[in-house]
All heavy atoms as atom14 arrays in JSON, in Angstrom:
{
  "sequence": "VGYQIEEALAAHISMSKRERKKAVLDIMAQVGLPRPSDL",
  "atom14_mask": [
    [1, 1, 1, 1, 1, 1, 1, 0, 0, 0, 0, 0, 0, 0],
    [1, 1, 1, 1, 0, 0, 0, 0, 0, 0, 0, 0, 0, 0],
    [1, 1, 1, 1, 1, 1, 1, 1, 1, 1, 1, 1, 0, 0],
    [1, 1, 1, 1, 1, 1, 1, 1, 1, 0, 0, 0, 0, 0],
    [1, 1, 1, 1, 1, 1, 1, 1, 0, 0, 0, 0, 0, 0],
    [1, 1, 1, 1, 1, 1, 1, 1, 1, 0, 0, 0, 0, 0],
    [1, 1, 1, 1, 1, 1, 1, 1, 1, 0, 0, 0, 0, 0],
    [1, 1, 1, 1, 1, 0, 0, 0, 0, 0, 0, 0, 0, 0],
    [1, 1, 1, 1, 1, 1, 1, 1, 0, 0, 0, 0, 0, 0],
    [1, 1, 1, 1, 1, 0, 0, 0, 0, 0, 0, 0, 0, 0],
    [1, 1, 1, 1, 1, 0, 0, 0, 0, 0, 0, 0, 0, 0],
    [1, 1, 1, 1, 1, 1, 1, 1, 1, 1, 0, 0, 0, 0],
    [1, 1, 1, 1, 1, 1, 1, 1, 0, 0, 0, 0, 0, 0],
    [1, 1, 1, 1, 1, 1, 0, 0, 0, 0, 0, 0, 0, 0],
    [1, 1, 1, 1, 1, 1, 1, 1, 0, 0, 0, 0, 0, 0],
    [1, 1, 1, 1, 1, 1, 0, 0, 0, 0, 0, 0, 0, 0],
    [1, 1, 1, 1, 1, 1, 1, 1, 1, 0, 0, 0, 0, 0],
    [1, 1, 1, 1, 1, 1, 1, 1, 1, 1, 1, 0, 0, 0],
    [1, 1, 1, 1, 1, 1, 1, 1, 1, 0, 0, 0, 0, 0],
    [1, 1, 1, 1, 1, 1, 1, 1, 1, 1, 1, 0, 0, 0],
    [1, 1, 1, 1, 1, 1, 1, 1, 1, 0, 0, 0, 0, 0],
    [1, 1, 1, 1, 1, 1, 1, 1, 1, 0, 0, 0, 0, 0],
    [1, 1, 1, 1, 1, 0, 0, 0, 0, 0, 0, 0, 0, 0],
    [1, 1, 1, 1, 1, 1, 1, 0, 0, 0, 0, 0, 0, 0],
    [1, 1, 1, 1, 1, 1, 1, 1, 0, 0, 0, 0, 0, 0],
    [1, 1, 1, 1, 1, 1, 1, 1, 0, 0, 0, 0, 0, 0],
    [1, 1, 1, 1, 1, 1, 1, 1, 0, 0, 0, 0, 0, 0],
    [1, 1, 1, 1, 1, 1, 1, 1, 0, 0, 0, 0, 0, 0],
    [1, 1, 1, 1, 1, 0, 0, 0, 0, 0, 0, 0, 0, 0],
    [1, 1, 1, 1, 1, 1, 1, 1, 1, 0, 0, 0, 0, 0],
    [1, 1, 1, 1, 1, 1, 1, 0, 0, 0, 0, 0, 0, 0],
    [1, 1, 1, 1, 0, 0, 0, 0, 0, 0, 0, 0, 0, 0],
    [1, 1, 1, 1, 1, 1, 1, 1, 0, 0, 0, 0, 0, 0],
    [1, 1, 1, 1, 1, 1, 1, 0, 0, 0, 0, 0, 0, 0],
    [1, 1, 1, 1, 1, 1, 1, 1, 1, 1, 1, 0, 0, 0],
    [1, 1, 1, 1, 1, 1, 1, 0, 0, 0, 0, 0, 0, 0],
    [1, 1, 1, 1, 1, 1, 0, 0, 0, 0, 0, 0, 0, 0],
    [1, 1, 1, 1, 1, 1, 1, 1, 0, 0, 0, 0, 0, 0],
    [1, 1, 1, 1, 1, 1, 1, 1, 0, 0, 0, 0, 0, 0]
  ],
  "atom14_positions": [
    [[8.15, -5.35, -0.3], [7.7, -4.25, -1.16], [6.48, -3.56, -0.56], [6.34, -2.33, -0.66], [7.43, -4.74, -2.59], [8.71, -5.27, -3.24], [6.35, -5.8, -2.64], [0.0, 0.0, 0.0], [0.0, 0.0, 0.0], [0.0, 0.0, 0.0], [0.0, 0.0, 0.0], [0.0, 0.0, 0.0], [0.0, 0.0, 0.0], [0.0, 0.0, 0.0]],
    [[5.61, -4.32, 0.09], [4.44, -3.72, 0.73], [4.84, -2.73, 1.8], [4.28, -1.63, 1.91], [0.0, 0.0, 0.0], [0.0, 0.0, 0.0], [0.0, 0.0, 0.0], [0.0, 0.0, 0.0], [0.0, 0.0, 0.0], [0.0, 0.0, 0.0], [0.0, 0.0, 0.0], [0.0, 0.0, 0.0], [0.0, 0.0, 0.0], [0.0, 0.0, 0.0]],
    [[5.83, -3.13, 2.6], [6.3, -2.25, 3.67], [6.87, -0.96, 3.1], [6.64, 0.14, 3.63], [7.37, -2.96, 4.5], [8.01, -2.08, 5.55], [7.43, -1.91, 6.81], [9.2, -1.39, 5.28], [8.01, -1.09, 7.76], [9.79, -0.56, 6.21], [9.19, -0.41, 7.46], [9.76, 0.41, 8.4], [0.0, 0.0, 0.0], [0.0, 0.0, 0.0]],
    [[7.63, -1.08, 2.0], [8.29, 0.1, 1.43], [7.28, 1.07, 0.8], [7.44, 2.28, 0.91], [9.34, -0.34, 0.42], [10.51, -1.07, 1.09], [11.62, -1.42, 0.14], [12.29, -0.54, -0.42], [11.86, -2.71, -0.05], [0.0, 0.0, 0.0], [0.0, 0.0, 0.0], [0.0, 0.0, 0.0], [0.0, 0.0, 0.0], [0.0, 0.0, 0.0]],
    [[6.26, 0.53, 0.15], [5.21, 1.41, -0.39], [4.45, 2.07, 0.75], [4.15, 3.27, 0.73], [4.25, 0.63, -1.3], [5.01, 0.01, -2.49], [3.14, 1.55, -1.83], [4.17, -0.95, -3.31], [0.0, 0.0, 0.0], [0.0, 0.0, 0.0], [0.0, 0.0, 0.0], [0.0, 0.0, 0.0], [0.0, 0.0, 0.0], [0.0, 0.0, 0.0]],
    [[4.15, 1.28, 1.79], [3.41, 1.8, 2.94], [4.21, 2.85, 3.7], [3.66, 3.82, 4.22], [3.04, 0.64, 3.88], [2.09, 1.04, 4.98], [1.58, -0.16, 5.77], [1.37, -1.23, 5.16], [1.39, -0.01, 6.99], [0.0, 0.0, 0.0], [0.0, 0.0, 0.0], [0.0, 0.0, 0.0], [0.0, 0.0, 0.0], [0.0, 0.0, 0.0]],
    [[5.53, 2.67, 3.74], [6.4, 3.63, 4.42], [6.31, 5.0, 3.75], [6.29, 6.03, 4.42], [7.84, 3.12, 4.39], [8.8, 3.93, 5.23], [10.2, 3.35, 5.21], [10.62, 2.87, 4.13], [10.87, 3.4, 6.25], [0.0, 0.0, 0.0], [0.0, 0.0, 0.0], [0.0, 0.0, 0.0], [0.0, 0.0, 0.0], [0.0, 0.0, 0.0]],
    [[6.26, 5.02, 2.41], [6.11, 6.28, 1.69], [4.79, 6.96, 2.05], [4.73, 8.19, 2.21], [6.18, 6.03, 0.18], [0.0, 0.0, 0.0], [0.0, 0.0, 0.0], [0.0, 0.0, 0.0], [0.0, 0.0, 0.0], [0.0, 0.0, 0.0], [0.0, 0.0, 0.0], [0.0, 0.0, 0.0], [0.0, 0.0, 0.0], [0.0, 0.0, 0.0]],
    [[3.74, 6.17, 2.2], [2.43, 6.71, 2.55], [2.43, 7.24, 3.98], [1.92, 8.33, 4.26], [1.37, 5.62, 2.38], [-0.09, 6.01, 2.48], [-0.45, 7.02, 1.4], [-0.98, 4.78, 2.37], [0.0, 0.0, 0.0], [0.0, 0.0, 0.0], [0.0, 0.0, 0.0], [0.0, 0.0, 0.0], [0.0, 0.0, 0.0], [0.0, 0.0, 0.0]],
    [[3.02, 6.46, 4.9], [3.04, 6.86, 6.31], [3.81, 8.15, 6.54], [3.52, 8.9, 7.48], [3.65, 5.73, 7.16], [0.0, 0.0, 0.0], [0.0, 0.0, 0.0], [0.0, 0.0, 0.0], [0.0, 0.0, 0.0], [0.0, 0.0, 0.0], [0.0, 0.0, 0.0], [0.0, 0.0, 0.0], [0.0, 0.0, 0.0], [0.0, 0.0, 0.0]],
    [[4.79, 8.43, 5.69], [5.61, 9.63, 5.86], [4.85, 10.91, 5.56], [5.25, 11.98, 6.0], [6.85, 9.54, 4.96], [0.0, 0.0, 0.0], [0.0, 0.0, 0.0], [0.0, 0.0, 0.0], [0.0, 0.0, 0.0], [0.0, 0.0, 0.0], [0.0, 0.0, 0.0], [0.0, 0.0, 0.0], [0.0, 0.0, 0.0], [0.0, 0.0, 0.0]],
    [[3.75, 10.81, 4.82], [3.09, 12.03, 4.34], [1.62, 12.15, 4.74], [1.09, 13.26, 4.77], [3.19, 12.11, 2.81], [4.59, 12.18, 2.31], [5.38, 13.3, 2.45], [5.35, 11.26, 1.67], [6.56, 13.07, 1.92], [6.58, 11.85, 1.43], [0.0, 0.0, 0.0], [0.0, 0.0, 0.0], [0.0, 0.0, 0.0], [0.0, 0.0, 0.0]],
    [[0.93, 11.02, 4.99], [-0.51, 11.08, 5.22], [-0.86, 10.35, 6.51], [-0.4, 9.22, 6.74], [-1.28, 10.44, 4.04], [-0.98, 11.2, 2.74], [-2.79, 10.46, 4.3], [-1.61, 10.6, 1.51], [0.0, 0.0, 0.0], [0.0, 0.0, 0.0], [0.0, 0.0, 0.0], [0.0, 0.0, 0.0], [0.0, 0.0, 0.0], [0.0, 0.0, 0.0]],
    [[-1.66, 10.99, 7.35], [-2.08, 10.39, 8.62], [-3.24, 9.42, 8.38], [-4.34, 9.83, 7.99], [-2.51, 11.49, 9.61], [-2.96, 10.92, 10.82], [0.0, 0.0, 0.0], [0.0, 0.0, 0.0], [0.0, 0.0, 0.0], [0.0, 0.0, 0.0], [0.0, 0.0, 0.0], [0.0, 0.0, 0.0], [0.0, 0.0, 0.0], [0.0, 0.0, 0.0]],
    [[-2.98, 8.13, 8.56], [-3.98, 7.09, 8.35], [-3.75, 5.98, 9.35], [-2.65, 5.83, 9.9], [-3.87, 6.51, 6.92], [-3.97, 7.51, 5.8], [-3.59, 6.78, 4.18], [-5.09, 5.85, 3.84], [0.0, 0.0, 0.0], [0.0, 0.0, 0.0], [0.0, 0.0, 0.0], [0.0, 0.0, 0.0], [0.0, 0.0, 0.0], [0.0, 0.0, 0.0]],
    [[-4.76, 5.2, 9.58], [-4.58, 4.02, 10.44], [-3.82, 2.95, 9.67], [-3.71, 3.0, 8.44], [-5.94, 3.46, 10.87], [-6.63, 2.9, 9.75], [0.0, 0.0, 0.0], [0.0, 0.0, 0.0], [0.0, 0.0, 0.0], [0.0, 0.0, 0.0], [0.0, 0.0, 0.0], [0.0, 0.0, 0.0], [0.0, 0.0, 0.0], [0.0, 0.0, 0.0]],
    [[-3.29, 1.96, 10.38], [-2.54, 0.88, 9.76], [-3.41, 0.15, 8.73], [-2.95, -0.17, 7.63], [-2.07, -0.1, 10.84], [-1.38, -1.35, 10.32], [0.0, -1.05, 9.79], [0.71, -2.34, 9.39], [2.05, -2.08, 8.81], [0.0, 0.0, 0.0], [0.0, 0.0, 0.0], [0.0, 0.0, 0.0], [0.0, 0.0, 0.0], [0.0, 0.0, 0.0]],
    [[-4.66, -0.09, 9.08], [-5.56, -0.79, 8.16], [-5.81, 0.05, 6.9], [-5.82, -0.48, 5.79], [-6.89, -1.1, 8.86], [-7.91, -1.78, 7.96], [-9.19, -2.08, 8.71], [-8.99, -3.09, 9.74], [-9.95, -3.57, 10.52], [-11.19, -3.11, 10.41], [-9.68, -4.48, 11.42], [0.0, 0.0, 0.0], [0.0, 0.0, 0.0], [0.0, 0.0, 0.0]],
    [[-6.03, 1.35, 7.08], [-6.27, 2.24, 5.93], [-5.05, 2.3, 5.01], [-5.18, 2.3, 3.78], [-6.63, 3.64, 6.42], [-8.0, 3.74, 7.06], [-8.25, 5.09, 7.7], [-7.27, 5.72, 8.15], [-9.41, 5.53, 7.76], [0.0, 0.0, 0.0], [0.0, 0.0, 0.0], [0.0, 0.0, 0.0], [0.0, 0.0, 0.0], [0.0, 0.0, 0.0]],
    [[-3.86, 2.33, 5.63], [-2.64, 2.37, 4.83], [-2.48, 1.11, 4.0], [-2.14, 1.16, 2.82], [-1.41, 2.56, 5.72], [-1.18, 3.99, 6.19], [0.26, 4.22, 6.6], [0.72, 3.31, 7.63], [0.6, 3.53, 8.93], [0.04, 4.64, 9.36], [1.05, 2.65, 9.8], [0.0, 0.0, 0.0], [0.0, 0.0, 0.0], [0.0, 0.0, 0.0]],
    [[-2.72, -0.04, 4.63], [-2.55, -1.29, 3.87], [-3.55, -1.36, 2.72], [-3.19, -1.79, 1.61], [-2.72, -2.5, 4.79], [-2.46, -3.82, 4.04], [-2.37, -5.01, 4.95], [-2.03, -6.27, 4.14], [-1.9, -7.47, 5.0], [0.0, 0.0, 0.0], [0.0, 0.0, 0.0], [0.0, 0.0, 0.0], [0.0, 0.0, 0.0], [0.0, 0.0, 0.0]],
    [[-4.79, -0.92, 2.96], [-5.78, -0.93, 1.88], [-5.34, -0.01, 0.74], [-5.44, -0.37, -0.44], [-7.14, -0.49, 2.4], [-8.24, -0.51, 1.32], [-9.57, -0.02, 1.85], [-10.65, -0.14, 0.78], [-10.31, 0.6, -0.46], [0.0, 0.0, 0.0], [0.0, 0.0, 0.0], [0.0, 0.0, 0.0], [0.0, 0.0, 0.0], [0.0, 0.0, 0.0]],
    [[-4.82, 1.18, 1.09], [-4.37, 2.12, 0.06], [-3.2, 1.54, -0.73], [-3.11, 1.72, -1.95], [-3.96, 3.45, 0.71], [0.0, 0.0, 0.0], [0.0, 0.0, 0.0], [0.0, 0.0, 0.0], [0.0, 0.0, 0.0], [0.0, 0.0, 0.0], [0.0, 0.0, 0.0], [0.0, 0.0, 0.0], [0.0, 0.0, 0.0], [0.0, 0.0, 0.0]],
    [[-2.31, 0.82, -0.04], [-1.16, 0.21, -0.71], [-1.62, -0.88, -1.66], [-1.17, -0.97, -2.8], [-0.17, -0.35, 0.33], [0.89, -1.22, -0.35], [0.5, 0.78, 1.09], [0.0, 0.0, 0.0], [0.0, 0.0, 0.0], [0.0, 0.0, 0.0], [0.0, 0.0, 0.0], [0.0, 0.0, 0.0], [0.0, 0.0, 0.0], [0.0, 0.0, 0.0]],
    [[-2.54, -1.73, -1.22], [-3.05, -2.79, -2.08], [-3.78, -2.21, -3.29], [-3.7, -2.74, -4.4], [-3.97, -3.72, -1.29], [-3.29, -4.57, -0.2], [-4.33, -5.36, 0.59], [-2.25, -5.51, -0.8], [0.0, 0.0, 0.0], [0.0, 0.0, 0.0], [0.0, 0.0, 0.0], [0.0, 0.0, 0.0], [0.0, 0.0, 0.0], [0.0, 0.0, 0.0]],
    [[-4.49, -1.1, -3.05], [-5.2, -0.45, -4.16], [-4.22, 0.07, -5.22], [-4.43, -0.14, -6.42], [-6.06, 0.7, -3.64], [-7.31, 0.23, -2.92], [-7.64, -0.97, -3.05], [-7.93, 1.04, -2.21], [0.0, 0.0, 0.0], [0.0, 0.0, 0.0], [0.0, 0.0, 0.0], [0.0, 0.0, 0.0], [0.0, 0.0, 0.0], [0.0, 0.0, 0.0]],
    [[-3.15, 0.76, -4.78], [-2.21, 1.31, -5.75], [-1.42, 0.19, -6.43], [-1.1, 0.27, -7.62], [-1.25, 2.35, -5.11], [-0.55, 3.18, -6.18], [-0.22, 1.69, -4.21], [-1.43, 4.07, -6.98], [0.0, 0.0, 0.0], [0.0, 0.0, 0.0], [0.0, 0.0, 0.0], [0.0, 0.0, 0.0], [0.0, 0.0, 0.0], [0.0, 0.0, 0.0]],
    [[-1.15, -0.9, -5.72], [-0.48, -2.04, -6.33], [-1.33, -2.62, -7.46], [-0.82, -2.98, -8.52], [-0.17, -3.1, -5.28], [0.94, -2.7, -4.3], [1.2, -3.93, -2.97], [2.02, -5.25, -3.88], [0.0, 0.0, 0.0], [0.0, 0.0, 0.0], [0.0, 0.0, 0.0], [0.0, 0.0, 0.0], [0.0, 0.0, 0.0], [0.0, 0.0, 0.0]],
    [[-2.63, -2.68, -7.23], [-3.54, -3.17, -8.27], [-3.59, -2.2, -9.45], [-3.59, -2.6, -10.61], [-4.93, -3.39, -7.69], [0.0, 0.0, 0.0], [0.0, 0.0, 0.0], [0.0, 0.0, 0.0], [0.0, 0.0, 0.0], [0.0, 0.0, 0.0], [0.0, 0.0, 0.0], [0.0, 0.0, 0.0], [0.0, 0.0, 0.0], [0.0, 0.0, 0.0]],
    [[-3.61, -0.9, -9.14], [-3.69, 0.11, -10.21], [-2.48, 0.08, -11.14], [-2.61, 0.34, -12.34], [-3.81, 1.51, -9.59], [-5.17, 1.81, -8.98], [-5.2, 3.21, -8.37], [-4.71, 4.17, -8.95], [-5.79, 3.32, -7.19], [0.0, 0.0, 0.0], [0.0, 0.0, 0.0], [0.0, 0.0, 0.0], [0.0, 0.0, 0.0], [0.0, 0.0, 0.0]],
    [[-1.3, -0.24, -10.59], [-0.1, -0.26, -11.44], [0.13, -1.64, -12.05], [1.18, -1.89, -12.66], [1.16, 0.19, -10.65], [0.99, 1.59, -10.11], [1.51, -0.8, -9.54], [0.0, 0.0, 0.0], [0.0, 0.0, 0.0], [0.0, 0.0, 0.0], [0.0, 0.0, 0.0], [0.0, 0.0, 0.0], [0.0, 0.0, 0.0], [0.0, 0.0, 0.0]],
    [[-0.85, -2.52, -11.91], [-0.79, -3.8, -12.61], [0.04, -4.87, -11.95], [0.47, -5.83, -12.61], [0.0, 0.0, 0.0], [0.0, 0.0, 0.0], [0.0, 0.0, 0.0], [0.0, 0.0, 0.0], [0.0, 0.0, 0.0], [0.0, 0.0, 0.0], [0.0, 0.0, 0.0], [0.0, 0.0, 0.0], [0.0, 0.0, 0.0], [0.0, 0.0, 0.0]],
    [[0.27, -4.76, -10.64], [0.97, -5.82, -9.93], [-0.01, -6.97, -9.67], [-1.06, -6.76, -9.07], [1.53, -5.3, -8.6], [2.79, -4.44, -8.73], [3.02, -3.63, -7.46], [4.0, -5.3, -9.04], [0.0, 0.0, 0.0], [0.0, 0.0, 0.0], [0.0, 0.0, 0.0], [0.0, 0.0, 0.0], [0.0, 0.0, 0.0], [0.0, 0.0, 0.0]],
    [[0.29, -8.18, -10.14], [-0.63, -9.3, -9.94], [-0.67, -9.75, -8.49], [0.33, -9.65, -7.77], [-0.04, -10.39, -10.85], [1.42, -10.08, -10.91], [1.53, -8.58, -10.84], [0.0, 0.0, 0.0], [0.0, 0.0, 0.0], [0.0, 0.0, 0.0], [0.0, 0.0, 0.0], [0.0, 0.0, 0.0], [0.0, 0.0, 0.0], [0.0, 0.0, 0.0]],
    [[-1.81, -10.22, -8.04], [-1.97, -10.76, -6.68], [-1.36, -9.81, -5.63], [-0.41, -10.19, -4.92], [-1.34, -12.14, -6.55], [-1.79, -13.14, -7.62], [-1.12, -14.5, -7.43], [0.32, -14.38, -7.23], [1.2, -14.18, -8.22], [0.8, -14.05, -9.48], [2.49, -14.08, -7.95], [0.0, 0.0, 0.0], [0.0, 0.0, 0.0], [0.0, 0.0, 0.0]],
    [[-1.86, -8.6, -5.51], [-1.26, -7.63, -4.58], [-1.11, -8.16, -3.15], [-0.09, -7.89, -2.51], [-2.24, -6.45, -4.63], [-2.85, -6.54, -5.99], [-2.97, -8.01, -6.28], [0.0, 0.0, 0.0], [0.0, 0.0, 0.0], [0.0, 0.0, 0.0], [0.0, 0.0, 0.0], [0.0, 0.0, 0.0], [0.0, 0.0, 0.0], [0.0, 0.0, 0.0]],
    [[-2.08, -8.93, -2.68], [-2.01, -9.44, -1.3], [-0.81, -10.35, -1.11], [-0.2, -10.38, -0.03], [-3.29, -10.19, -0.94], [-4.4, -9.31, -0.97], [0.0, 0.0, 0.0], [0.0, 0.0, 0.0], [0.0, 0.0, 0.0], [0.0, 0.0, 0.0], [0.0, 0.0, 0.0], [0.0, 0.0, 0.0], [0.0, 0.0, 0.0], [0.0, 0.0, 0.0]],
    [[-0.47, -11.13, -2.15], [0.69, -12.02, -2.05], [1.99, -11.23, -2.21], [2.95, -11.42, -1.45], [0.63, -13.11, -3.13], [-0.56, -14.04, -2.93], [-1.01, -14.18, -1.78], [-1.02, -14.61, -3.92], [0.0, 0.0, 0.0], [0.0, 0.0, 0.0], [0.0, 0.0, 0.0], [0.0, 0.0, 0.0], [0.0, 0.0, 0.0], [0.0, 0.0, 0.0]],
    [[2.03, -10.33, -3.2], [3.25, -9.58, -3.44], [3.56, -8.58, -2.33], [4.71, -8.16, -2.17], [3.16, -8.84, -4.78], [3.22, -9.69, -6.05], [3.27, -8.8, -7.28], [4.41, -10.62, -6.03], [0.0, 0.0, 0.0], [0.0, 0.0, 0.0], [0.0, 0.0, 0.0], [0.0, 0.0, 0.0], [0.0, 0.0, 0.0], [0.0, 0.0, 0.0]]
  ]
}
């Protein structure tokens, strides 16, 4: 699921791999997904 959310981000916004993963973990937390790093 992390890859799929990150893929949506990579398709539209120019960011480094580290920035993308942070943005993905942030949005996962915002939508109430528990333990984003594990999920």
